[in-house]
Amino acid sequence: MIYQLQDLDKASAMLLPEDCRSCGWWQGKDGGWSSSMQADSWEESALESFGGWGKLAIGDDELLGMIQYGPAGLFSRSGDFACGPTSTDAVLLTCSIVSGSINEPIRKSLLTAVLAELKEREIPTVEAFCHQDETPEKDCRLFDQEFLRGCGFFPVRGSRGLQLMRLELGGMEPAKARRQKTRRRLLERIKRTSPNPAPAATCQSREKSSSRIPLCP
């Protein structure tokens, strides 16, 4: 399926269902935002500190899926879980939705795109909370454990029915960092290399030494 990605910000949030637009659960607002000013203040903070707080998948001008994420400090709920806290250098995936069960592959494609972008931004670690056991009903506020496992996440710790999952991104170096590392290696190799005689000088030396060997009669 063909789709395009769009950053989740104040403008693109209008594409979300009303329940998602008014939800502030991860921000510590159980009953939703108490006022638009409160929501605006949080959004401005998210934009300033991270540049958006999620990613949308749009196809045929319709919302196919959404993943919300950002530094854990943006989501006060992340500090309330018994299995927390998250890593200080991690980006936290908080929740996701897809437009229907037939679009479930969109969630994985969207997450793959998100992870690729975070690697380019040199984010070392991504984490997410999930239920330790299967739940009879889908909970859009937490990721599915099997889904995260299928995307390479591994469990860190769990408590009271919840688990913190992690994916390390440090092994994938951005192109710029890789080029810099290669240049450093070359410079170090040049510095360590001891001077050797030039090929011409070597040949001359061998010729002179061979001329001193007496010829057999």
C-alpha atoms as a PDB file:
ATOM      1  CA  MET A   1       0.000   0.000   0.000  1.00  0.00           C
ATOM      2  CA  ILE A   2       1.292   3.451  -0.935  1.00  0.00           C
ATOM      3  CA  TYR A   3       1.318   6.032   1.827  1.00  0.00           C
ATOM      4  CA  GLN A   4       3.232   9.094   2.909  1.00  0.00           C
ATOM      5  CA  LEU A   5       4.593  10.050   6.295  1.00  0.00           C
ATOM      6  CA  GLN A   6       3.737  13.243   8.077  1.00  0.00           C
ATOM      7  CA  ASP A   7       5.009  14.616  11.372  1.00  0.00           C
ATOM      8  CA  LEU A   8       2.444  14.817  14.138  1.00  0.00           C
ATOM      9  CA  ASP A   9       2.050  18.449  15.101  1.00  0.00           C
ATOM     10  CA  LYS A  10      -0.764  20.865  15.831  1.00  0.00           C
ATOM     11  CA  ALA A  11      -1.887  21.046  12.194  1.00  0.00           C
ATOM     12  CA  SER A  12      -1.668  17.345  11.301  1.00  0.00           C
ATOM     13  CA  ALA A  13      -3.318  16.367  14.619  1.00  0.00           C
ATOM     14  CA  MET A  14      -6.594  17.467  13.033  1.00  0.00           C
ATOM     15  CA  LEU A  15      -6.454  14.247  11.011  1.00  0.00           C
ATOM     16  CA  LEU A  16      -6.694  12.162  14.190  1.00  0.00           C
ATOM     17  CA  PRO A  17      -9.992  10.892  15.604  1.00  0.00           C
ATOM     18  CA  GLU A  18     -11.568  13.217  18.159  1.00  0.00           C
ATOM     19  CA  ASP A  19     -10.784  10.813  21.013  1.00  0.00           C
ATOM     20  CA  CYS A  20      -7.077  10.989  20.151  1.00  0.00           C
ATOM     21  CA  ARG A  21      -7.015  14.755  19.759  1.00  0.00           C
ATOM     22  CA  SER A  22      -8.514  15.297  23.197  1.00  0.00           C
ATOM     23  CA  CYS A  23      -6.550  12.519  24.925  1.00  0.00           C
ATOM     24  CA  GLY A  24      -3.843  13.580  27.363  1.00  0.00           C
ATOM     25  CA  TRP A  25      -3.429  10.273  29.185  1.00  0.00           C
ATOM     26  CA  TRP A  26       0.302   9.938  28.528  1.00  0.00           C
ATOM     27  CA  GLN A  27       0.766  13.533  29.601  1.00  0.00           C
ATOM     28  CA  GLY A  28      -0.843  12.702  32.953  1.00  0.00           C
ATOM     29  CA  LYS A  29      -4.336  13.996  32.116  1.00  0.00           C
ATOM     30  CA  ASP A  30      -6.610  11.025  32.818  1.00  0.00           C
ATOM     31  CA  GLY A  31      -9.771  12.802  31.734  1.00  0.00           C
ATOM     32  CA  GLY A  32      -8.180  14.588  28.780  1.00  0.00           C
ATOM     33  CA  TRP A  33      -6.967  18.175  28.541  1.00  0.00           C
ATOM     34  CA  SER A  34      -8.792  20.511  30.888  1.00  0.00           C
ATOM     35  CA  SER A  35      -8.416  23.389  28.417  1.00  0.00           C
ATOM     36  CA  SER A  36      -7.099  24.104  24.934  1.00  0.00           C
ATOM     37  CA  MET A  37      -4.493  26.421  26.444  1.00  0.00           C
ATOM     38  CA  GLN A  38      -3.120  23.530  28.497  1.00  0.00           C
ATOM     39  CA  ALA A  39      -2.855  21.363  25.393  1.00  0.00           C
ATOM     40  CA  ASP A  40      -1.269  24.197  23.390  1.00  0.00           C
ATOM     41  CA  SER A  41       1.371  24.713  26.060  1.00  0.00           C
ATOM     42  CA  TRP A  42       2.346  21.039  25.985  1.00  0.00           C
ATOM     43  CA  GLU A  43       2.441  20.964  22.165  1.00  0.00           C
ATOM     44  CA  GLU A  44       4.719  23.997  22.042  1.00  0.00           C
ATOM     45  CA  SER A  45       7.043  22.349  24.544  1.00  0.00           C
ATOM     46  CA  ALA A  46       7.126  19.151  22.462  1.00  0.00           C
ATOM     47  CA  LEU A  47       7.859  21.033  19.241  1.00  0.00           C
ATOM     48  CA  GLU A  48      10.617  23.046  20.852  1.00  0.00           C
ATOM     49  CA  SER A  49      12.342  20.102  22.519  1.00  0.00           C
ATOM     50  CA  PHE A  50      11.886  17.405  19.879  1.00  0.00           C
ATOM     51  CA  GLY A  51      10.214  18.799  16.764  1.00  0.00           C
ATOM     52  CA  GLY A  52       6.858  17.011  16.797  1.00  0.00           C
ATOM     53  CA  TRP A  53       5.522  14.238  18.962  1.00  0.00           C
ATOM     54  CA  GLY A  54       4.716  11.460  16.525  1.00  0.00           C
ATOM     55  CA  LYS A  55       4.291  10.285  12.967  1.00  0.00           C
ATOM     56  CA  LEU A  56       1.242   9.749  10.747  1.00  0.00           C
ATOM     57  CA  ALA A  57       0.779   7.460   7.749  1.00  0.00           C
ATOM     58  CA  ILE A  58      -1.539   9.036   5.176  1.00  0.00           C
ATOM     59  CA  GLY A  59      -2.936   7.245   2.126  1.00  0.00           C
ATOM     60  CA  ASP A  60      -5.524   8.602  -0.322  1.00  0.00           C
ATOM     61  CA  ASP A  61      -5.970  11.611   1.979  1.00  0.00           C
ATOM     62  CA  GLU A  62      -7.043   9.319   4.822  1.00  0.00           C
ATOM     63  CA  LEU A  63      -5.355   8.444   8.095  1.00  0.00           C
ATOM     64  CA  LEU A  64      -3.951   4.904   8.004  1.00  0.00           C
ATOM     65  CA  GLY A  65      -2.021   4.913  11.245  1.00  0.00           C
ATOM     66  CA  MET A  66      -0.275   6.938  13.926  1.00  0.00           C
ATOM     67  CA  ILE A  67       2.553   6.447  16.398  1.00  0.00           C
ATOM     68  CA  GLN A  68       3.139   8.928  19.197  1.00  0.00           C
ATOM     69  CA  TYR A  69       6.655   9.203  20.609  1.00  0.00           C
ATOM     70  CA  GLY A  70       9.204  11.576  22.093  1.00  0.00           C
ATOM     71  CA  PRO A  71      11.554  12.012  25.053  1.00  0.00           C
ATOM     72  CA  ALA A  72      10.108  10.374  28.166  1.00  0.00           C
ATOM     73  CA  GLY A  73      10.189  13.743  29.925  1.00  0.00           C
ATOM     74  CA  LEU A  74       7.309  14.888  27.721  1.00  0.00           C
ATOM     75  CA  PHE A  75       5.074  12.110  29.063  1.00  0.00           C
ATOM     76  CA  SER A  76       4.701  12.251  32.835  1.00  0.00           C
ATOM     77  CA  ARG A  77       2.748   8.974  32.816  1.00  0.00           C
ATOM     78  CA  SER A  78       5.968   7.117  32.008  1.00  0.00           C
ATOM     79  CA  GLY A  79       7.226   7.787  35.536  1.00  0.00           C
ATOM     80  CA  ASP A  80       4.148   6.270  37.195  1.00  0.00           C
ATOM     81  CA  PHE A  81       4.710   2.657  36.144  1.00  0.00           C
ATOM     82  CA  ALA A  82       6.195   0.233  38.657  1.00  0.00           C
ATOM     83  CA  CYS A  83       8.402  -1.262  35.922  1.00  0.00           C
ATOM     84  CA  GLY A  84       9.862   2.151  35.044  1.00  0.00           C
ATOM     85  CA  PRO A  85      11.643   4.433  34.729  1.00  0.00           C
ATOM     86  CA  THR A  86      12.768   4.666  31.129  1.00  0.00           C
ATOM     87  CA  SER A  87      16.374   5.329  30.114  1.00  0.00           C
ATOM     88  CA  THR A  88      17.409   8.969  30.163  1.00  0.00           C
ATOM     89  CA  ASP A  89      18.726   8.843  26.588  1.00  0.00           C
ATOM     90  CA  ALA A  90      15.791   6.883  25.127  1.00  0.00           C
ATOM     91  CA  VAL A  91      12.918   7.971  22.953  1.00  0.00           C
ATOM     92  CA  LEU A  92       9.654   6.550  24.287  1.00  0.00           C
ATOM     93  CA  LEU A  93       6.978   5.097  22.012  1.00  0.00           C
ATOM     94  CA  THR A  94       3.764   5.799  23.867  1.00  0.00           C
ATOM     95  CA  CYS A  95       0.798   4.653  21.771  1.00  0.00           C
ATOM     96  CA  SER A  96      -0.362   3.892  18.246  1.00  0.00           C
ATOM     97  CA  ILE A  97      -3.519   3.432  16.219  1.00  0.00           C
ATOM     98  CA  VAL A  98      -4.369   2.032  12.786  1.00  0.00           C
ATOM     99  CA  SER A  99      -7.542   2.653  10.838  1.00  0.00           C
ATOM    100  CA  GLY A 100      -8.656  -0.986  11.005  1.00  0.00           C
ATOM    101  CA  SER A 101      -7.545  -4.575  11.553  1.00  0.00           C
ATOM    102  CA  ILE A 102      -6.859  -5.043   7.842  1.00  0.00           C
ATOM    103  CA  ASN A 103      -4.323  -2.226   8.084  1.00  0.00           C
ATOM    104  CA  GLU A 104      -2.328  -3.827  10.910  1.00  0.00           C
ATOM    105  CA  PRO A 105       0.740  -4.175   8.604  1.00  0.00           C
ATOM    106  CA  ILE A 106       0.682  -0.389   8.388  1.00  0.00           C
ATOM    107  CA  ARG A 107       1.650  -0.247  12.063  1.00  0.00           C
ATOM    108  CA  LYS A 108       4.836  -2.218  11.424  1.00  0.00           C
ATOM    109  CA  SER A 109       5.684  -0.237   8.285  1.00  0.00           C
ATOM    110  CA  LEU A 110       5.115   2.999  10.163  1.00  0.00           C
ATOM    111  CA  LEU A 111       7.264   1.897  13.093  1.00  0.00           C
ATOM    112  CA  THR A 112      10.034   0.810  10.723  1.00  0.00           C
ATOM    113  CA  ALA A 113      10.014   4.280   9.156  1.00  0.00           C
ATOM    114  CA  VAL A 114      10.051   5.915  12.592  1.00  0.00           C
ATOM    115  CA  LEU A 115      13.027   3.811  13.730  1.00  0.00           C
ATOM    116  CA  ALA A 116      14.938   4.618  10.540  1.00  0.00           C
ATOM    117  CA  GLU A 117      14.418   8.329  11.133  1.00  0.00           C
ATOM    118  CA  LEU A 118      15.502   8.064  14.770  1.00  0.00           C
ATOM    119  CA  LYS A 119      18.689   6.285  13.688  1.00  0.00           C
ATOM    120  CA  GLU A 120      19.463   9.167  11.365  1.00  0.00           C
ATOM    121  CA  ARG A 121      18.968  11.511  14.298  1.00  0.00           C
ATOM    122  CA  GLU A 122      21.497   9.414  16.260  1.00  0.00           C
ATOM    123  CA  ILE A 123      18.983   8.360  18.918  1.00  0.00           C
ATOM    124  CA  PRO A 124      20.687   5.429  20.716  1.00  0.00           C
ATOM    125  CA  THR A 125      17.700   3.704  22.313  1.00  0.00           C
ATOM    126  CA  VAL A 126      13.942   3.355  21.813  1.00  0.00           C
ATOM    127  CA  GLU A 127      11.657   2.027  24.546  1.00  0.00           C
ATOM    128  CA  ALA A 128       7.979   1.235  24.975  1.00  0.00           C
ATOM    129  CA  PHE A 129       5.629  -0.103  27.644  1.00  0.00           C
ATOM    130  CA  CYS A 130       3.360  -3.065  27.034  1.00  0.00           C
ATOM    131  CA  HIS A 131       1.181  -5.570  28.902  1.00  0.00           C
ATOM    132  CA  GLN A 132       3.121  -8.617  30.110  1.00  0.00           C
ATOM    133  CA  ASP A 133       0.235 -10.927  29.212  1.00  0.00           C
ATOM    134  CA  GLU A 134      -2.235 -10.897  26.376  1.00  0.00           C
ATOM    135  CA  THR A 135      -5.215  -8.676  27.046  1.00  0.00           C
ATOM    136  CA  PRO A 136      -8.734  -9.567  25.863  1.00  0.00           C
ATOM    137  CA  GLU A 137      -9.238  -6.052  24.540  1.00  0.00           C
ATOM    138  CA  LYS A 138      -6.913  -3.858  22.531  1.00  0.00           C
ATOM    139  CA  ASP A 139      -5.401  -1.054  24.580  1.00  0.00           C
ATOM    140  CA  CYS A 140      -4.263   1.732  22.235  1.00  0.00           C
ATOM    141  CA  ARG A 141      -2.383   3.387  25.109  1.00  0.00           C
ATOM    142  CA  LEU A 142       0.185   0.568  25.264  1.00  0.00           C
ATOM    143  CA  PHE A 143       1.980  -1.425  22.593  1.00  0.00           C
ATOM    144  CA  ASP A 144       1.426  -5.133  22.056  1.00  0.00           C
ATOM    145  CA  GLN A 145       4.285  -7.231  23.434  1.00  0.00           C
ATOM    146  CA  GLU A 146       4.420  -9.676  20.518  1.00  0.00           C
ATOM    147  CA  PHE A 147       4.368  -6.821  18.053  1.00  0.00           C
ATOM    148  CA  LEU A 148       7.387  -5.228  19.751  1.00  0.00           C
ATOM    149  CA  ARG A 149       9.233  -8.552  19.868  1.00  0.00           C
ATOM    150  CA  GLY A 150       8.647  -8.968  16.146  1.00  0.00           C
ATOM    151  CA  CYS A 151      10.260  -5.568  15.593  1.00  0.00           C
ATOM    152  CA  GLY A 152      13.403  -6.483  17.541  1.00  0.00           C
ATOM    153  CA  PHE A 153      12.541  -5.138  20.997  1.00  0.00           C
ATOM    154  CA  PHE A 154      13.591  -7.125  24.066  1.00  0.00           C
ATOM    155  CA  PRO A 155      12.207  -7.021  27.647  1.00  0.00           C
ATOM    156  CA  VAL A 156      14.081  -4.962  30.221  1.00  0.00           C
ATOM    157  CA  ARG A 157      11.973  -5.429  33.351  1.00  0.00           C
ATOM    158  CA  GLY A 158       8.378  -5.981  34.328  1.00  0.00           C
ATOM    159  CA  SER A 159       6.100  -5.429  37.296  1.00  0.00           C
ATOM    160  CA  ARG A 160       2.372  -5.468  38.061  1.00  0.00           C
ATOM    161  CA  GLY A 161       1.379  -6.723  34.635  1.00  0.00           C
ATOM    162  CA  LEU A 162       3.431  -4.208  32.657  1.00  0.00           C
ATOM    163  CA  GLN A 163       6.746  -4.611  30.865  1.00  0.00           C
ATOM    164  CA  LEU A 164       9.331  -2.162  29.590  1.00  0.00           C
ATOM    165  CA  MET A 165      10.730  -3.157  26.186  1.00  0.00           C
ATOM    166  CA  ARG A 166      13.841  -1.764  24.516  1.00  0.00           C
ATOM    167  CA  LEU A 167      15.494  -1.588  21.115  1.00  0.00           C
ATOM    168  CA  GLU A 168      19.122  -0.490  20.772  1.00  0.00           C
ATOM    169  CA  LEU A 169      19.825   1.665  17.726  1.00  0.00           C
ATOM    170  CA  GLY A 170      23.492   2.359  18.463  1.00  0.00           C
ATOM    171  CA  GLY A 171      24.775  -0.382  16.159  1.00  0.00           C
ATOM    172  CA  MET A 172      23.563   1.446  13.071  1.00  0.00           C
ATOM    173  CA  GLU A 173      25.896   4.398  12.489  1.00  0.00           C
ATOM    174  CA  PRO A 174      24.601   7.355  10.508  1.00  0.00           C
ATOM    175  CA  ALA A 175      26.517   7.965   7.265  1.00  0.00           C
ATOM    176  CA  LYS A 176      28.098  11.197   8.518  1.00  0.00           C
ATOM    177  CA  ALA A 177      29.409   9.577  11.708  1.00  0.00           C
ATOM    178  CA  ARG A 178      30.703   6.606   9.714  1.00  0.00           C
ATOM    179  CA  ARG A 179      32.646   8.873   7.338  1.00  0.00           C
ATOM    180  CA  GLN A 180      34.158  10.782  10.251  1.00  0.00           C
ATOM    181  CA  LYS A 181      35.225   7.538  11.904  1.00  0.00           C
ATOM    182  CA  THR A 182      36.856   6.353   8.666  1.00  0.00           C
ATOM    183  CA  ARG A 183      38.819   9.604   8.323  1.00  0.00           C
ATOM    184  CA  ARG A 184      40.042   9.313  11.919  1.00  0.00           C
ATOM    185  CA  ARG A 185      41.233   5.752  11.280  1.00  0.00           C
ATOM    186  CA  LEU A 186      43.165   6.821   8.178  1.00  0.00           C
ATOM    187  CA  LEU A 187      44.851   9.693  10.007  1.00  0.00           C
ATOM    188  CA  GLU A 188      45.851   7.433  12.888  1.00  0.00           C
ATOM    189  CA  ARG A 189      47.245   4.873  10.433  1.00  0.00           C
ATOM    190  CA  ILE A 190      49.326   7.544   8.687  1.00  0.00           C
ATOM    191  CA  LYS A 191      50.738   8.750  12.016  1.00  0.00           C
ATOM    192  CA  ARG A 192      51.668   5.221  13.102  1.00  0.00           C
ATOM    193  CA  THR A 193      53.351   4.287   9.795  1.00  0.00           C
ATOM    194  CA  SER A 194      57.189   4.370  10.071  1.00  0.00           C
ATOM    195  CA  PRO A 195      59.135   5.851   7.141  1.00  0.00           C
ATOM    196  CA  ASN A 196      60.377   3.267   4.629  1.00  0.00           C
ATOM    197  CA  PRO A 197      63.079   3.727   1.982  1.00  0.00           C
ATOM    198  CA  ALA A 198      61.835   4.752  -1.415  1.00  0.00           C
ATOM    199  CA  PRO A 199      61.593   1.961  -4.009  1.00  0.00           C
ATOM    200  CA  ALA A 200      64.291   3.571  -6.169  1.00  0.00           C
ATOM    201  CA  ALA A 201      66.710   3.825  -3.239  1.00  0.00           C
ATOM    202  CA  THR A 202      66.067   0.195  -2.399  1.00  0.00           C
ATOM    203  CA  CYS A 203      66.848  -0.914  -5.907  1.00  0.00           C
ATOM    204  CA  GLN A 204      70.036   1.139  -5.977  1.00  0.00           C
ATOM    205  CA  SER A 205      71.131  -0.312  -2.662  1.00  0.00           C
ATOM    206  CA  ARG A 206      70.620  -3.839  -3.950  1.00  0.00           C
ATOM    207  CA  GLU A 207      72.520  -3.091  -7.153  1.00  0.00           C
ATOM    208  CA  LYS A 208      75.507  -1.702  -5.247  1.00  0.00           C
ATOM    209  CA  SER A 209      75.639  -4.616  -2.852  1.00  0.00           C
ATOM    210  CA  SER A 210      75.386  -7.129  -5.682  1.00  0.00           C
ATOM    211  CA  SER A 211      78.266  -5.452  -7.555  1.00  0.00           C
ATOM    212  CA  ARG A 212      80.593  -6.218  -4.663  1.00  0.00           C
ATOM    213  CA  ILE A 213      80.028  -9.962  -4.969  1.00  0.00           C
ATOM    214  CA  PRO A 214      82.887 -11.485  -6.991  1.00  0.00           C
ATOM    215  CA  LEU A 215      81.934 -13.293 -10.172  1.00  0.00           C
ATOM    216  CA  CYS A 216      82.614 -16.955 -10.400  1.00  0.00           C
ATOM    217  CA  PRO A 217      85.563 -17.787 -12.673  1.00  0.00           C
END
